[in-house]
Amino acid sequence: DKKVWDMNDEYMFGKAFLVAPVLHAQYTQEKVVKVNEESGWNRDNAGKAEGKVQADFQQPKSTEVYLPCGTVWYDFWTNEKIEGGREITRETTLDLIPLYIKAGSIVPFGPDVQYATEKPWDNLVLRVYPGADGSFVLYEDEFDNYNYEKGAYTEIPMSWDDSSRRLTLGTRKGEYKGMLQSRGFTVVLPDGRQKSVSYNGKKVSVKF
């Protein structure tokens, strides 16, 4: 059921994302590996299969994806803009699953780190996906304790006005020890346009 499937994805990943996991074996022949909801992989039978079965793991495959209606979706990997309300065929590889972002979403990206405090988070990328109004709240705390339960955290409200093509970063709320007093944001649109903005906790906006 497409409606239930979409609701489950929204619950797991938030309203911005539609993740379509590939649930069938694409590179191993079905006579060797079969999977079902009750028993999982038939590993024992696979080990007894006659002959050697080779698989080309570099070969692209494809899967069917339903994009819910009522909005526009963006392919996360290519930024292709696609109208919802239809099923499409998406090429996949071993390291790529179908991932789509809902129009109006604001998606932040931090530095590439192995642990939270490895690098400073003083310049974040905000990917904005036009096509609808949207909002997001950036939450931050001390990373490694429970002081947030005592109110030691900050929130930065963000909103995208699609008609004016303007992203607004609202006044920061809250505080905690060691917090960044100022930082930079790089705002990026799917068409590649980007603008940088300095933020010190006070309301600021950037227009495209």
Protein backbone atom coordinates (compact mmCIF):
# COMPACT_ATOMS: atom_id res chain seq x y z
CA ASP A 1 0.00 0.00 0.00
CA LYS A 2 1.65 3.20 -1.21
CA LYS A 3 0.01 5.42 1.41
CA VAL A 4 1.15 3.29 4.37
CA TRP A 5 4.63 2.93 2.89
CA ASP A 6 5.01 6.69 2.62
CA MET A 7 3.74 7.24 6.19
CA ASN A 8 6.30 4.78 7.52
CA ASP A 9 9.13 6.54 5.70
CA GLU A 10 7.99 9.91 7.05
CA TYR A 11 7.98 8.53 10.59
CA MET A 12 11.49 7.11 10.27
CA PHE A 13 13.28 9.89 8.44
CA GLY A 14 11.24 13.07 8.93
CA LYS A 15 8.90 14.93 6.61
CA ALA A 16 11.64 16.06 4.23
CA PHE A 17 12.85 12.64 3.12
CA LEU A 18 11.42 9.79 1.14
CA VAL A 19 13.73 6.78 1.32
CA ALA A 20 12.98 3.79 -0.89
CA PRO A 21 15.15 0.88 0.30
CA VAL A 22 15.85 -1.88 -2.21
CA LEU A 23 14.27 -4.95 -0.62
CA HIS A 24 15.23 -7.67 -3.06
CA ALA A 25 18.55 -9.20 -4.02
CA GLN A 26 19.74 -7.55 -7.22
CA TYR A 27 23.16 -9.12 -7.69
CA THR A 28 22.72 -12.71 -6.54
CA GLN A 29 20.69 -15.11 -8.64
CA GLU A 30 17.34 -16.02 -7.13
CA LYS A 31 18.10 -19.76 -7.25
CA VAL A 32 20.97 -19.15 -4.83
CA VAL A 33 19.51 -16.55 -2.50
CA LYS A 34 15.86 -16.06 -1.67
CA VAL A 35 14.39 -13.86 1.00
CA ASN A 36 10.99 -13.64 2.62
CA GLU A 37 9.54 -11.88 5.63
CA GLU A 38 9.25 -15.03 7.79
CA SER A 39 12.52 -16.88 7.32
CA GLY A 40 14.88 -14.20 5.98
CA TRP A 41 17.81 -15.31 3.82
CA ASN A 42 18.02 -19.02 2.95
CA ARG A 43 21.71 -19.15 3.83
CA ASP A 44 21.84 -22.92 4.27
CA ASN A 45 20.42 -23.62 0.83
CA ALA A 46 22.61 -20.96 -0.73
CA GLY A 47 25.69 -22.77 0.53
CA LYS A 48 24.55 -25.98 -1.14
CA ALA A 49 23.89 -24.44 -4.55
CA GLU A 50 25.48 -26.32 -7.41
CA GLY A 51 28.09 -24.53 -9.46
CA LYS A 52 29.63 -21.15 -8.95
CA VAL A 53 27.45 -18.14 -9.59
CA GLN A 54 29.28 -14.96 -10.44
CA ALA A 55 27.79 -11.51 -10.03
CA ASP A 56 28.93 -8.23 -11.55
CA PHE A 57 28.61 -5.81 -8.65
CA GLN A 58 29.49 -2.86 -10.91
CA GLN A 59 26.45 -3.38 -13.09
CA PRO A 60 23.66 -0.81 -12.59
CA LYS A 61 20.24 -2.15 -11.65
CA SER A 62 16.85 -0.49 -11.28
CA THR A 63 13.88 -0.41 -8.95
CA GLU A 64 10.37 1.02 -8.93
CA VAL A 65 9.70 4.05 -6.70
CA TYR A 66 6.35 5.68 -5.97
CA LEU A 67 6.51 9.44 -5.36
CA PRO A 68 3.43 10.58 -3.36
CA CYS A 69 1.17 13.19 -4.90
CA GLY A 70 0.57 16.73 -3.72
CA THR A 71 4.16 17.91 -3.96
CA VAL A 72 7.32 18.05 -6.04
CA TRP A 73 10.25 15.79 -5.19
CA TYR A 74 13.99 16.19 -5.84
CA ASP A 75 16.35 13.31 -6.47
CA PHE A 76 18.97 13.74 -3.73
CA TRP A 77 21.81 12.47 -5.92
CA THR A 78 21.09 14.36 -9.15
CA ASN A 79 18.79 17.23 -8.00
CA GLU A 80 16.35 16.23 -10.74
CA LYS A 81 12.91 17.77 -10.07
CA ILE A 82 10.01 15.32 -10.39
CA GLU A 83 6.25 15.80 -9.97
CA GLY A 84 4.69 13.49 -7.39
CA GLY A 85 1.71 11.21 -7.83
CA ARG A 86 3.37 8.63 -10.03
CA GLU A 87 5.69 5.66 -10.06
CA ILE A 88 9.10 5.97 -11.64
CA THR A 89 11.99 3.64 -12.38
CA ARG A 90 15.22 4.64 -10.66
CA GLU A 91 18.61 3.26 -11.61
CA THR A 92 20.51 1.98 -8.58
CA THR A 93 24.00 0.76 -7.83
CA LEU A 94 25.47 -1.14 -4.91
CA ASP A 95 26.17 2.11 -3.04
CA LEU A 96 23.07 4.10 -4.04
CA ILE A 97 19.49 3.79 -2.85
CA PRO A 98 16.62 5.96 -4.10
CA LEU A 99 16.42 9.07 -1.92
CA TYR A 100 14.07 11.99 -2.60
CA ILE A 101 13.63 15.35 -0.89
CA LYS A 102 10.26 17.07 -0.61
CA ALA A 103 9.88 20.57 -2.05
CA GLY A 104 10.09 23.20 0.67
CA SER A 105 12.64 21.28 2.71
CA ILE A 106 15.65 22.87 4.40
CA VAL A 107 18.35 20.27 4.97
CA PRO A 108 21.50 21.17 6.98
CA PHE A 109 24.87 19.48 6.44
CA GLY A 110 27.68 19.63 8.97
CA PRO A 111 31.37 18.77 8.55
CA ASP A 112 32.54 15.26 7.71
CA VAL A 113 33.47 13.92 11.16
CA GLN A 114 34.03 10.62 12.94
CA TYR A 115 32.78 12.05 16.24
CA ALA A 116 30.86 15.18 17.18
CA THR A 117 33.75 17.33 18.45
CA GLU A 118 36.38 16.34 15.87
CA LYS A 119 35.94 19.58 13.88
CA PRO A 120 34.22 22.90 14.55
CA TRP A 121 30.68 23.26 13.24
CA ASP A 122 31.21 26.91 12.42
CA ASN A 123 30.18 26.72 8.77
CA LEU A 124 27.17 24.65 7.83
CA VAL A 125 25.65 24.00 4.42
CA LEU A 126 21.90 24.51 4.10
CA ARG A 127 20.36 22.82 1.09
CA VAL A 128 17.04 24.44 0.24
CA TYR A 129 14.60 22.69 -2.11
CA PRO A 130 12.19 25.22 -3.72
CA GLY A 131 8.64 24.57 -4.83
CA ALA A 132 6.82 25.20 -1.54
CA ASP A 133 7.18 27.15 1.68
CA GLY A 134 9.11 25.33 4.38
CA SER A 135 10.63 25.58 7.83
CA PHE A 136 13.25 23.89 9.97
CA VAL A 137 14.67 24.35 13.48
CA LEU A 138 18.39 23.76 13.98
CA TYR A 139 18.90 22.31 17.46
CA GLU A 140 22.31 22.25 19.18
CA ASP A 141 23.58 21.34 22.65
CA GLU A 142 26.82 20.35 24.42
CA PHE A 143 27.05 17.00 22.58
CA ASP A 144 28.13 14.78 25.48
CA ASN A 145 25.89 15.22 28.52
CA TYR A 146 22.32 15.67 29.73
CA ASN A 147 22.43 19.39 30.41
CA TYR A 148 19.87 19.87 27.66
CA GLU A 149 17.34 18.52 30.16
CA LYS A 150 18.08 21.63 32.21
CA GLY A 151 17.57 23.93 29.25
CA ALA A 152 21.18 24.07 28.01
CA TYR A 153 20.55 24.08 24.25
CA THR A 154 19.88 26.45 21.39
CA GLU A 155 17.41 26.55 18.54
CA ILE A 156 17.73 28.51 15.32
CA PRO A 157 14.44 28.75 13.41
CA MET A 158 14.68 28.80 9.62
CA SER A 159 12.00 29.45 7.04
CA TRP A 160 11.85 29.45 3.25
CA ASP A 161 9.34 31.72 1.48
CA ASP A 162 8.94 30.25 -1.97
CA SER A 163 7.18 33.21 -3.58
CA SER A 164 9.93 35.67 -2.62
CA ARG A 165 12.72 33.09 -2.91
CA ARG A 166 13.99 34.14 0.51
CA LEU A 167 15.52 32.08 3.33
CA THR A 168 15.26 33.64 6.78
CA LEU A 169 17.33 32.61 9.78
CA GLY A 170 15.44 33.72 12.88
CA THR A 171 16.73 34.93 16.24
CA ARG A 172 18.55 32.21 18.15
CA LYS A 173 16.79 30.93 21.25
CA GLY A 174 18.58 29.59 24.34
CA GLU A 175 22.23 29.16 25.24
CA TYR A 176 24.75 26.66 26.57
CA LYS A 177 28.36 26.62 27.68
CA GLY A 178 30.85 26.69 24.80
CA MET A 179 28.25 27.50 22.17
CA LEU A 180 29.26 29.22 18.94
CA GLN A 181 28.43 32.90 19.11
CA SER A 182 28.70 33.32 15.36
CA ARG A 183 29.04 31.09 12.34
CA GLY A 184 28.64 30.98 8.61
CA PHE A 185 25.96 29.30 6.53
CA THR A 186 26.29 28.41 2.86
CA VAL A 187 22.85 28.21 1.29
CA VAL A 188 22.68 25.98 -1.79
CA LEU A 189 19.81 25.47 -4.26
CA PRO A 190 19.36 22.39 -6.49
CA ASP A 191 20.34 24.37 -9.60
CA GLY A 192 23.78 25.01 -8.09
CA ARG A 193 23.30 28.62 -7.05
CA GLN A 194 24.63 29.40 -3.61
CA LYS A 195 25.11 32.31 -1.25
CA SER A 196 26.97 32.71 2.02
CA VAL A 197 25.59 34.44 5.07
CA SER A 198 27.14 35.31 8.45
CA TYR A 199 25.01 34.63 11.50
CA ASN A 200 25.55 35.91 15.03
CA GLY A 201 22.27 34.93 16.62
CA LYS A 202 20.18 37.76 15.21
CA LYS A 203 17.61 37.50 12.44
CA VAL A 204 19.07 37.59 8.94
CA SER A 205 17.84 36.60 5.49
CA VAL A 206 19.21 35.80 2.07
CA LYS A 207 17.32 36.17 -1.20
CA PHE A 208 17.78 34.25 -4.46
